[in-house]
Amino acid sequence: MKFWRVFMPNLCISLWLALLTLVILDQYNPPLGLLEYRGFLVLVALCAFSSLSCAILLYADARKQAWRRLRKAAEARAARHAKSVDEAPQACYNNTTEARNMN
């Protein structure tokens, strides 16, 4: 998953830069007709598909990481609570014996 998380944004950027280059070249030299050939439509479709898949992959990965962080936090909270509950009876016992010793 890490490979796709790193690779997909770079693929999207490079495809969009290629598309932008074709549009700029067509602006300066319209007789070439770069926007009218089939390769341009394929490039637009690839850009759209790669951008959509990149967004889905990154969103899914972000949700998975957030879920892991929440689960770790809940486990840490439960461990702290269990530790404080285990120490609580001992603390009460110590306080009562100290109070008896003072009298």
Protein backbone atom coordinates (compact mmCIF):
# COMPACT_ATOMS: atom_id res chain seq x y z
CA MET A 1 0.00 0.00 0.00
CA LYS A 2 2.88 2.33 0.73
CA PHE A 3 4.09 1.99 -2.87
CA TRP A 4 0.73 3.15 -4.22
CA ARG A 5 0.52 5.95 -1.66
CA VAL A 6 3.83 7.32 -2.97
CA PHE A 7 3.47 6.40 -6.65
CA MET A 8 -0.09 7.55 -7.45
CA PRO A 9 0.30 11.27 -6.65
CA ASN A 10 3.46 11.38 -8.77
CA LEU A 11 1.66 9.65 -11.64
CA CYS A 12 -1.22 12.13 -11.42
CA ILE A 13 1.10 15.12 -11.44
CA SER A 14 3.08 13.85 -14.42
CA LEU A 15 -0.06 13.06 -16.44
CA TRP A 16 -1.57 16.46 -15.72
CA LEU A 17 1.69 18.17 -16.68
CA ALA A 18 1.70 16.26 -19.98
CA LEU A 19 -1.90 17.34 -20.57
CA LEU A 20 -1.06 20.95 -19.76
CA THR A 21 1.90 20.80 -22.14
CA LEU A 22 -0.33 19.60 -24.98
CA VAL A 23 -2.85 22.38 -24.32
CA ILE A 24 -0.13 25.05 -24.28
CA LEU A 25 1.47 23.68 -27.46
CA ASP A 26 -1.92 23.68 -29.16
CA GLN A 27 -2.43 27.31 -28.14
CA TYR A 28 0.81 28.35 -29.84
CA ASN A 29 0.48 26.10 -32.90
CA PRO A 30 -3.19 25.38 -33.71
CA PRO A 31 -2.49 23.79 -37.14
CA LEU A 32 -0.96 20.78 -35.36
CA GLY A 33 -4.37 19.95 -33.91
CA LEU A 34 -2.98 18.33 -30.79
CA LEU A 35 -6.32 18.53 -29.00
CA GLU A 36 -8.16 16.79 -31.81
CA TYR A 37 -6.28 13.52 -32.05
CA ARG A 38 -7.27 10.37 -30.18
CA GLY A 39 -4.18 10.33 -27.93
CA PHE A 40 -5.36 13.53 -26.26
CA LEU A 41 -8.66 11.90 -25.30
CA VAL A 42 -6.80 8.88 -23.94
CA LEU A 43 -4.58 11.21 -21.90
CA VAL A 44 -7.62 13.02 -20.49
CA ALA A 45 -9.20 9.68 -19.56
CA LEU A 46 -5.96 8.50 -17.91
CA CYS A 47 -5.69 11.75 -15.96
CA ALA A 48 -9.25 11.46 -14.72
CA PHE A 49 -8.89 7.79 -13.79
CA SER A 50 -5.55 8.26 -12.04
CA SER A 51 -6.79 11.28 -10.08
CA LEU A 52 -9.91 9.45 -8.93
CA SER A 53 -8.01 6.30 -7.96
CA CYS A 54 -5.36 8.38 -6.19
CA ALA A 55 -8.03 10.17 -4.15
CA ILE A 56 -9.70 6.88 -3.21
CA LEU A 57 -6.43 5.21 -2.22
CA LEU A 58 -5.22 8.14 -0.16
CA TYR A 59 -8.59 8.54 1.57
CA ALA A 60 -8.74 4.83 2.42
CA ASP A 61 -5.20 4.89 3.76
CA ALA A 62 -5.90 7.99 5.87
CA ARG A 63 -8.99 6.34 7.37
CA LYS A 64 -7.02 3.19 8.17
CA GLN A 65 -4.28 5.18 9.89
CA ALA A 66 -6.83 7.20 11.88
CA TRP A 67 -8.53 3.98 12.99
CA ARG A 68 -5.18 2.58 14.14
CA ARG A 69 -4.43 5.76 16.12
CA LEU A 70 -7.85 5.65 17.81
CA ARG A 71 -7.43 2.00 18.70
CA LYS A 72 -3.95 2.63 20.18
CA ALA A 73 -5.28 5.56 22.21
CA ALA A 74 -8.16 3.47 23.52
CA GLU A 75 -5.78 0.66 24.49
CA ALA A 76 -3.49 3.13 26.27
CA ARG A 77 -6.47 4.62 28.11
CA ALA A 78 -7.65 1.16 29.14
CA ALA A 79 -4.17 0.25 30.37
CA ARG A 80 -3.94 3.46 32.43
CA HIS A 81 -7.40 2.86 33.86
CA ALA A 82 -6.57 -0.74 34.77
CA LYS A 83 -3.36 0.38 36.47
CA SER A 84 -5.14 3.07 38.48
CA VAL A 85 -7.90 0.65 39.49
CA ASP A 86 -5.30 -1.87 40.67
CA GLU A 87 -3.53 0.78 42.76
CA ALA A 88 -6.70 2.29 44.23
CA PRO A 89 -7.46 -0.40 46.89
CA GLN A 90 -3.85 -0.34 48.06
CA ALA A 91 -3.96 3.45 48.39
CA CYS A 92 -7.16 3.27 50.43
CA TYR A 93 -5.60 0.63 52.69
CA ASN A 94 -2.48 2.73 53.21
CA ASN A 95 -4.55 5.80 54.11
CA THR A 96 -6.63 3.94 56.70
CA THR A 97 -3.61 2.31 58.35
CA GLU A 98 -1.84 5.66 58.54
CA ALA A 99 -4.92 7.23 60.11
CA ARG A 100 -5.05 4.44 62.72
CA ASN A 101 -1.36 4.85 63.51
CA MET A 102 -1.81 8.57 64.12
CA ASN A 103 -4.43 8.02 66.81
